[in-house]
């Protein structure tokens, strides 16, 4: 029995020695990833600003005279032509004054005509010594006084006519007349009383405020600087509150001279046709400047941008095919790719597919990234969300 125990122990030792001498299994191969090499591109700048519509012309309708409103011929909220009568002030007093001024002018004109006849008769008689020089001088003086009286009467008649004409309160421009701010029977005390407004909404203005950073970048570019100059060609499109695109693009016609100190933004004003009156003064919309490009843009496929606790980042392939992580700032979406504002430079090798298999410091086996022509990345997914940036 003792011999059997010794034999069993010896056999176990031999088996253990055989097991220890078995070779270790080989290390797994580096994971394969697809890599996109970044380049500098020129792409359209997708800019969007909050804008507000305002009338291209706005006139406050006020009376130049005092009196009681006796009529309001226009319908509130309708389009009116220039010269349309909007209000009628009681004309009785002003019509009487006009008639009196006309009569005074007629009397002065008659006196002038009589004085001119007297002078015309006396001049030949003076040559024949039939009248004295003093008589002719007096007649000529009366003629001059009659001329002055006519001029004075004409001025009074013109003023009386203007006052009478001002009893018809008219629209100075064509546009949409607002609600009446004074009712029939109310007494107007003069220009201090606002009666209504007339606004022209075709064309219509849309103002928006780019940041000083955007404006600085535009002024540094030769093309965009010319577009913003007086008489420039910077075009704009507008997206309405329901997400539809306003059918009539416009052009920036005014660029403010200085930044607004309170907001650090620059006021720009686009002018757009508005025949259907879809845009109304005060309405908010999203404004998109057109034709502006980014000349040093870096774009990467959408799948390359990851999300971490510190914001957006990508995996890069460094020397010896080791992986490093780098934080990036992705600002906008362009045809299935993110536009990278910060964090990358031309020539960086960015991991696209296989990012879930790698970690920082790990060695990988890279292969070139080839986008599928029918992939969502090529079509552009408008529903994609902009990565959160730090």
Protein backbone atom coordinates (compact mmCIF):
# COMPACT_ATOMS: atom_id res chain seq x y z
CA UNK A 1 0.00 0.00 0.00
CA UNK A 2 2.82 2.36 0.80
CA UNK A 3 4.37 1.51 -2.54
CA UNK A 4 1.16 2.50 -4.33
CA UNK A 5 1.01 5.90 -2.62
CA UNK A 6 4.58 6.66 -3.59
CA UNK A 7 3.85 5.65 -7.18
CA UNK A 8 0.77 7.88 -7.28
CA UNK A 9 2.72 10.88 -6.02
CA UNK A 10 5.45 10.33 -8.57
CA UNK A 11 2.91 10.07 -11.39
CA UNK A 12 1.20 13.35 -10.28
CA UNK A 13 4.55 15.13 -10.24
CA UNK A 14 5.29 13.96 -13.77
CA UNK A 15 1.88 15.17 -14.99
CA UNK A 16 2.38 18.57 -13.29
CA UNK A 17 5.79 19.00 -14.90
CA UNK A 18 4.27 18.22 -18.29
CA UNK A 19 1.54 20.78 -17.82
CA UNK A 20 3.94 23.58 -16.87
CA UNK A 21 5.94 23.09 -19.99
CA UNK A 22 2.88 23.68 -22.34
CA UNK A 23 3.37 26.95 -24.45
CA UNK A 24 1.16 30.07 -23.68
CA UNK A 25 -1.58 30.97 -26.24
CA UNK A 26 -0.63 33.78 -28.73
CA UNK A 27 -1.79 37.43 -28.06
CA UNK A 28 -4.90 38.54 -30.03
CA UNK A 29 -4.14 40.59 -33.16
CA UNK A 30 -4.66 44.40 -33.04
CA UNK A 31 -8.25 45.36 -33.88
CA UNK A 32 -8.87 46.63 -37.38
CA UNK A 33 -10.29 50.13 -37.74
CA UNK A 34 -11.08 52.36 -40.70
CA UNK A 35 -9.26 55.69 -40.77
CA UNK A 36 -10.18 59.00 -42.41
CA UNK A 37 -7.31 61.39 -43.16
CA UNK A 38 -8.40 65.01 -42.73
CA UNK A 39 -7.86 67.63 -45.42
CA UNK A 40 -8.56 71.34 -45.82
CA UNK A 41 -11.75 72.03 -47.79
CA UNK A 42 -13.77 75.00 -48.96
CA UNK A 43 -17.43 74.53 -48.05
CA UNK A 44 -20.52 76.74 -47.89
CA UNK A 45 -20.86 78.30 -44.45
CA UNK A 46 -24.17 77.23 -42.96
CA UNK A 47 -25.07 80.26 -40.89
CA UNK A 48 -28.32 80.95 -39.12
CA UNK A 49 -29.46 83.97 -37.13
CA UNK A 50 -32.69 85.02 -35.49
CA UNK A 51 -34.21 87.85 -37.48
CA UNK A 52 -37.25 90.06 -37.14
CA UNK A 53 -39.36 91.50 -39.94
CA UNK A 54 -40.19 95.17 -40.15
CA UNK A 55 -42.00 97.34 -42.67
CA UNK A 56 -39.84 98.80 -45.40
CA UNK A 57 -41.76 102.07 -44.97
CA UNK A 58 -43.84 103.21 -42.02
CA UNK A 59 -45.68 106.53 -41.86
CA UNK A 60 -47.58 107.92 -38.89
CA UNK A 61 -50.80 109.58 -39.99
CA UNK A 62 -51.43 112.83 -38.11
CA UNK A 63 -53.65 115.84 -38.71
CA UNK A 64 -52.05 119.23 -39.30
CA UNK A 65 -55.10 121.10 -38.05
CA UNK A 66 -57.52 120.99 -35.14
CA UNK A 67 -61.12 119.94 -35.41
CA UNK A 68 -63.65 117.17 -35.01
CA UNK A 69 -63.38 113.94 -37.00
CA UNK A 70 -66.53 113.66 -39.12
CA UNK A 71 -65.63 110.71 -41.37
CA UNK A 72 -63.23 107.74 -41.66
CA UNK A 73 -63.60 106.47 -45.23
CA UNK A 74 -60.97 103.69 -45.10
CA UNK A 75 -61.35 100.14 -43.77
CA UNK A 76 -58.88 99.27 -41.04
CA UNK A 77 -56.24 96.71 -41.98
CA UNK A 78 -56.65 97.07 -45.75
CA UNK A 79 -54.24 98.19 -48.43
CA UNK A 80 -54.58 101.81 -49.48
CA UNK A 81 -53.03 103.80 -52.30
CA UNK A 82 -50.99 106.94 -51.80
CA UNK A 83 -53.36 109.91 -51.51
CA UNK A 84 -56.32 107.90 -50.19
CA UNK A 85 -58.46 109.88 -47.73
CA UNK A 86 -58.28 108.19 -44.35
CA UNK A 87 -59.99 110.77 -42.11
CA UNK A 88 -62.08 113.90 -42.67
CA UNK A 89 -61.92 116.80 -40.24
CA UNK A 90 -64.93 119.15 -40.00
CA UNK A 91 -64.19 121.62 -42.85
CA UNK A 92 -66.74 124.34 -42.05
CA UNK A 93 -64.39 126.85 -40.42
CA UNK A 94 -61.52 126.22 -42.84
CA UNK A 95 -63.72 126.43 -45.93
CA UNK A 96 -65.12 129.78 -44.75
CA UNK A 97 -61.62 131.09 -44.10
CA UNK A 98 -60.52 129.98 -47.56
CA UNK A 99 -63.42 131.78 -49.22
CA UNK A 100 -62.68 134.93 -47.23
CA UNK A 101 -59.04 134.80 -48.27
CA UNK A 102 -60.05 134.40 -51.91
CA UNK A 103 -62.28 137.48 -51.62
CA UNK A 104 -59.48 139.51 -50.03
CA UNK A 105 -57.18 138.47 -52.87
CA UNK A 106 -59.73 139.48 -55.47
CA UNK A 107 -60.15 142.92 -53.82
CA UNK A 108 -56.38 143.44 -53.72
CA UNK A 109 -56.06 142.41 -57.36
CA UNK A 110 -58.75 144.93 -58.33
CA UNK A 111 -56.95 147.74 -56.45
CA UNK A 112 -53.70 146.81 -58.19
CA UNK A 113 -55.35 146.92 -61.61
CA UNK A 114 -56.80 150.37 -60.87
CA UNK A 115 -53.42 151.67 -59.66
CA UNK A 116 -51.71 150.41 -62.82
CA UNK A 117 -54.31 152.19 -65.00
CA UNK A 118 -53.79 155.46 -63.12
CA UNK A 119 -50.02 155.29 -63.64
CA UNK A 120 -50.48 154.46 -67.31
CA UNK A 121 -52.72 157.55 -67.82
CA UNK A 122 -50.45 159.98 -65.93
CA UNK A 123 -47.14 159.22 -67.64
CA UNK A 124 -48.13 160.77 -71.03
CA UNK A 125 -49.73 163.75 -69.26
CA UNK A 126 -46.50 164.46 -67.38
CA UNK A 127 -44.65 164.91 -70.70
CA UNK A 128 -47.26 167.52 -71.69
CA UNK A 129 -47.01 169.18 -68.26
CA UNK A 130 -50.70 168.37 -67.69
CA UNK A 131 -49.98 166.82 -64.27
CA UNK A 132 -47.38 167.50 -61.65
CA UNK A 133 -44.50 165.11 -60.95
CA UNK A 134 -45.73 164.61 -57.41
CA UNK A 135 -49.06 163.30 -58.69
CA UNK A 136 -47.29 160.66 -60.77
CA UNK A 137 -45.08 159.74 -57.84
CA UNK A 138 -48.12 159.26 -55.63
CA UNK A 139 -49.77 157.08 -58.26
CA UNK A 140 -46.69 154.88 -58.61
CA UNK A 141 -46.50 154.54 -54.82
CA UNK A 142 -50.11 153.39 -54.73
CA UNK A 143 -49.28 150.89 -57.48
CA UNK A 144 -46.41 149.43 -55.42
CA UNK A 145 -48.61 149.25 -52.33
CA UNK A 146 -51.27 147.46 -54.36
CA UNK A 147 -48.64 144.92 -55.52
CA UNK A 148 -47.65 144.26 -51.90
CA UNK A 149 -51.30 143.87 -50.89
CA UNK A 150 -51.82 141.30 -53.65
CA UNK A 151 -48.77 139.31 -52.54
CA UNK A 152 -49.98 139.36 -48.94
CA UNK A 153 -53.47 138.27 -49.98
CA UNK A 154 -52.01 135.45 -52.07
CA UNK A 155 -50.05 134.17 -49.06
CA UNK A 156 -53.16 134.25 -46.88
CA UNK A 157 -55.17 132.48 -49.56
CA UNK A 158 -52.52 129.77 -49.97
CA UNK A 159 -52.46 129.19 -46.20
CA UNK A 160 -56.25 129.06 -46.05
CA UNK A 161 -56.33 126.61 -48.97
CA UNK A 162 -53.75 124.38 -47.26
CA UNK A 163 -55.76 124.37 -44.05
CA UNK A 164 -58.87 123.46 -46.00
CA UNK A 165 -57.04 120.70 -47.90
CA UNK A 166 -55.70 119.38 -44.59
CA UNK A 167 -59.25 118.61 -43.52
CA UNK A 168 -58.76 115.60 -45.83
CA UNK A 169 -56.19 113.48 -43.98
CA UNK A 170 -54.58 111.32 -46.66
CA UNK A 171 -52.15 108.39 -46.82
CA UNK A 172 -48.71 109.66 -47.79
CA UNK A 173 -47.54 106.27 -49.08
CA UNK A 174 -49.14 103.13 -50.48
CA UNK A 175 -49.39 100.37 -47.90
CA UNK A 176 -51.52 98.71 -45.29
CA UNK A 177 -53.47 101.08 -43.05
CA UNK A 178 -53.63 100.15 -39.38
CA UNK A 179 -56.45 100.46 -36.92
CA UNK A 180 -57.91 103.88 -36.21
CA UNK A 181 -56.63 105.32 -32.95
CA UNK A 182 -59.30 108.05 -32.78
CA UNK A 183 -63.01 107.52 -33.32
CA UNK A 184 -65.64 109.57 -35.13
CA UNK A 185 -66.61 112.63 -33.13
CA UNK A 186 -63.27 112.88 -31.37
CA UNK A 187 -61.55 116.25 -31.44
CA UNK A 188 -58.08 116.35 -32.95
CA UNK A 189 -55.81 118.91 -31.33
CA UNK A 190 -53.15 118.89 -34.04
CA UNK A 191 -50.03 116.90 -35.03
CA UNK A 192 -49.66 115.63 -31.47
CA UNK A 193 -52.56 113.21 -31.99
CA UNK A 194 -51.72 109.98 -33.84
CA UNK A 195 -54.64 108.87 -36.00
CA UNK A 196 -53.26 105.65 -37.51
CA UNK A 197 -50.21 104.26 -39.34
CA UNK A 198 -49.58 103.09 -42.89
CA UNK A 199 -46.93 100.40 -43.41
CA UNK A 200 -45.45 99.11 -46.62
CA UNK A 201 -44.72 95.37 -46.36
CA UNK A 202 -43.81 94.62 -49.98
CA UNK A 203 -40.87 94.68 -50.05
CA UNK A 204 -40.24 93.90 -46.39
CA UNK A 205 -37.13 94.24 -44.23
CA UNK A 206 -35.68 91.49 -42.04
CA UNK A 207 -33.00 92.56 -39.57
CA UNK A 208 -30.52 90.16 -37.96
CA UNK A 209 -27.41 90.49 -35.81
CA UNK A 210 -24.25 88.45 -36.52
CA UNK A 211 -21.71 88.27 -33.72
CA UNK A 212 -18.52 90.32 -33.77
CA UNK A 213 -16.59 87.08 -34.32
CA UNK A 214 -18.54 86.27 -37.48
CA UNK A 215 -18.26 89.83 -38.75
CA UNK A 216 -14.50 89.85 -38.17
CA UNK A 217 -14.11 86.62 -40.14
CA UNK A 218 -16.21 88.04 -42.99
CA UNK A 219 -14.20 91.25 -43.17
CA UNK A 220 -10.94 89.29 -43.34
CA UNK A 221 -12.12 87.41 -46.43
CA UNK A 222 -11.79 89.37 -49.65
CA UNK A 223 -14.95 87.92 -51.20
CA UNK A 224 -17.16 88.36 -48.15
CA UNK A 225 -15.77 91.85 -47.55
CA UNK A 226 -16.94 92.88 -51.01
CA UNK A 227 -20.31 91.24 -50.42
CA UNK A 228 -20.82 93.34 -47.27
CA UNK A 229 -19.66 96.61 -48.84
CA UNK A 230 -22.13 99.27 -49.93
CA UNK A 231 -23.98 97.93 -52.96
CA UNK A 232 -22.73 94.41 -52.20
CA UNK A 233 -24.30 91.14 -53.26
CA UNK A 234 -24.83 89.29 -49.98
CA UNK A 235 -28.07 87.36 -50.39
CA UNK A 236 -30.26 85.94 -47.62
CA UNK A 237 -32.99 83.35 -47.34
CA UNK A 238 -35.55 83.11 -44.55
CA UNK A 239 -37.12 80.16 -42.77
CA UNK A 240 -40.51 80.83 -41.22
CA UNK A 241 -41.67 79.80 -37.77
CA UNK A 242 -43.31 76.59 -39.06
CA UNK A 243 -40.06 75.44 -40.67
CA UNK A 244 -41.00 76.27 -44.26
CA UNK A 245 -38.64 78.28 -46.41
CA UNK A 246 -39.88 81.74 -47.41
CA UNK A 247 -40.27 81.54 -51.22
CA UNK A 248 -38.55 84.83 -52.03
CA UNK A 249 -34.85 85.23 -51.19
CA UNK A 250 -33.57 88.75 -50.75
CA UNK A 251 -30.45 90.84 -50.50
CA UNK A 252 -28.73 92.70 -47.69
CA UNK A 253 -29.18 96.39 -48.35
CA UNK A 254 -27.88 97.90 -45.12
CA UNK A 255 -24.93 97.12 -42.85
CA UNK A 256 -24.63 99.19 -39.69
CA UNK A 257 -21.50 101.26 -39.18
CA UNK A 258 -20.71 100.08 -35.66
CA UNK A 259 -21.30 97.15 -33.35
CA UNK A 260 -24.04 97.44 -30.77
CA UNK A 261 -22.22 97.94 -27.50
CA UNK A 262 -24.84 96.12 -25.42
CA UNK A 263 -24.71 92.86 -27.42
CA UNK A 264 -21.45 92.97 -29.38
CA UNK A 265 -23.33 92.29 -32.62
CA UNK A 266 -23.67 94.09 -35.93
CA UNK A 267 -27.05 95.00 -37.39
CA UNK A 268 -27.69 93.82 -40.95
CA UNK A 269 -30.93 94.37 -42.85
CA UNK A 270 -32.16 92.21 -45.70
CA UNK A 271 -34.82 93.32 -48.16
CA UNK A 272 -37.13 90.64 -49.55
CA UNK A 273 -40.12 90.67 -51.91
CA UNK A 274 -43.32 89.93 -50.02
CA UNK A 275 -46.18 89.89 -52.56
CA UNK A 276 -48.25 87.38 -50.58
CA UNK A 277 -47.71 89.26 -47.29
CA UNK A 278 -46.49 86.06 -45.61
CA UNK A 279 -44.07 88.09 -43.53
CA UNK A 280 -45.57 90.74 -41.29
CA UNK A 281 -43.81 93.43 -39.24
CA UNK A 282 -42.67 92.10 -35.88
CA UNK A 283 -42.61 88.47 -37.04
CA UNK A 284 -39.56 86.41 -36.06
CA UNK A 285 -37.78 84.17 -38.57
CA UNK A 286 -34.46 82.42 -39.11
CA UNK A 287 -32.14 84.20 -41.53
CA UNK A 288 -29.50 82.36 -43.59
CA UNK A 289 -26.80 84.41 -45.37
CA UNK A 290 -26.03 82.85 -48.76
CA UNK A 291 -22.77 82.66 -50.69
CA UNK A 292 -20.42 82.79 -47.69
CA UNK A 293 -17.81 80.00 -47.64
CA UNK A 294 -15.29 78.58 -45.17
CA UNK A 295 -11.93 78.27 -46.89
CA UNK A 296 -10.08 76.27 -44.21
CA UNK A 297 -12.74 73.81 -43.14
CA UNK A 298 -12.10 70.33 -41.77
CA UNK A 299 -14.93 67.81 -41.97
CA UNK A 300 -15.06 64.26 -40.63
CA UNK A 301 -17.66 61.49 -41.03
CA UNK A 302 -20.45 61.61 -38.51
CA UNK A 303 -19.54 58.28 -36.89
CA UNK A 304 -16.05 59.51 -36.05
CA UNK A 305 -17.31 61.98 -33.42
CA UNK A 306 -17.84 60.39 -30.01
CA UNK A 307 -19.42 61.74 -26.85
CA UNK A 308 -17.69 61.73 -23.48
CA UNK A 309 -18.01 63.31 -20.09
CA UNK A 310 -15.98 66.29 -21.28
CA UNK A 311 -17.86 66.74 -24.54
CA UNK A 312 -17.14 65.67 -28.10
CA UNK A 313 -13.93 63.82 -29.01
CA UNK A 314 -12.41 61.64 -31.73
CA UNK A 315 -9.87 58.82 -31.72
CA UNK A 316 -6.69 59.55 -33.69
CA UNK A 317 -4.02 57.16 -34.93
CA UNK A 318 -0.63 58.40 -33.76
CA UNK A 319 2.87 57.00 -34.33
CA UNK A 320 3.20 53.20 -34.23
CA UNK A 321 -0.55 53.00 -34.88
CA UNK A 322 -1.36 53.77 -31.26
CA UNK A 323 -4.70 55.37 -30.43
CA UNK A 324 -5.02 58.75 -28.75
CA UNK A 325 -8.21 60.68 -27.89
CA UNK A 326 -8.62 64.35 -28.71
CA UNK A 327 -11.40 66.75 -27.78
CA UNK A 328 -13.01 68.59 -30.68
CA UNK A 329 -15.62 71.29 -31.25
CA UNK A 330 -18.12 70.28 -33.95
CA UNK A 331 -20.31 73.19 -35.03
CA UNK A 332 -22.54 72.18 -37.92
CA UNK A 333 -23.68 69.35 -40.14
CA UNK A 334 -22.67 69.24 -43.81
CA UNK A 335 -23.70 66.36 -46.06
CA UNK A 336 -23.29 63.62 -43.48
CA UNK A 337 -20.12 65.06 -41.98
CA UNK A 338 -19.40 67.24 -38.98
CA UNK A 339 -17.64 70.54 -39.46
CA UNK A 340 -14.84 70.66 -36.89
CA UNK A 341 -14.08 74.13 -35.57
CA UNK A 342 -11.37 73.18 -33.07
CA UNK A 343 -9.21 70.15 -32.28
CA UNK A 344 -8.06 68.87 -35.67
CA UNK A 345 -5.63 69.88 -38.39
CA UNK A 346 -4.94 68.67 -41.90
CA UNK A 347 -3.31 65.24 -42.04
CA UNK A 348 -4.78 63.86 -38.79
CA UNK A 349 -5.88 60.23 -39.06
CA UNK A 350 -9.31 59.87 -37.47
CA UNK A 351 -10.88 56.53 -36.53
CA UNK A 352 -14.31 56.12 -38.16
CA UNK A 353 -15.38 52.46 -37.91
CA UNK A 354 -14.24 50.26 -35.04
CA UNK A 355 -14.08 52.95 -32.39
CA UNK A 356 -15.95 50.67 -29.99
CA UNK A 357 -13.04 48.21 -30.10
CA UNK A 358 -10.27 50.65 -29.22
CA UNK A 359 -9.09 52.57 -26.21
CA UNK A 360 -6.49 55.26 -25.73
CA UNK A 361 -2.97 53.80 -25.94
CA UNK A 362 -4.02 50.64 -27.74
CA UNK A 363 -2.34 49.56 -30.98
CA UNK A 364 -4.66 49.10 -33.96
CA UNK A 365 -4.48 47.98 -37.56
CA UNK A 366 -5.76 50.89 -39.71
CA UNK A 367 -7.30 50.68 -43.16
CA UNK A 368 -8.60 53.54 -45.31
CA UNK A 369 -12.18 54.65 -44.77
CA UNK A 370 -14.32 54.35 -47.92
CA UNK A 371 -17.82 55.84 -47.57
CA UNK A 372 -20.64 53.87 -49.13
CA UNK A 373 -22.29 55.92 -51.90
CA UNK A 374 -25.81 55.16 -50.63
CA UNK A 375 -25.04 55.52 -46.93
CA UNK A 376 -26.72 57.96 -44.61
CA UNK A 377 -23.38 59.68 -44.26
CA UNK A 378 -23.42 60.55 -47.98
CA UNK A 379 -27.08 61.52 -48.06
CA UNK A 380 -26.91 63.62 -44.92
CA UNK A 381 -29.20 62.92 -42.02
CA UNK A 382 -31.06 66.14 -41.28
CA UNK A 383 -32.26 64.67 -37.98
CA UNK A 384 -28.72 64.29 -36.58
CA UNK A 385 -27.99 66.35 -33.51
CA UNK A 386 -24.98 68.60 -33.14
CA UNK A 387 -22.54 67.08 -30.63
CA UNK A 388 -22.36 68.72 -27.24
CA UNK A 389 -19.18 70.77 -26.98
CA UNK A 390 -17.32 71.91 -23.95
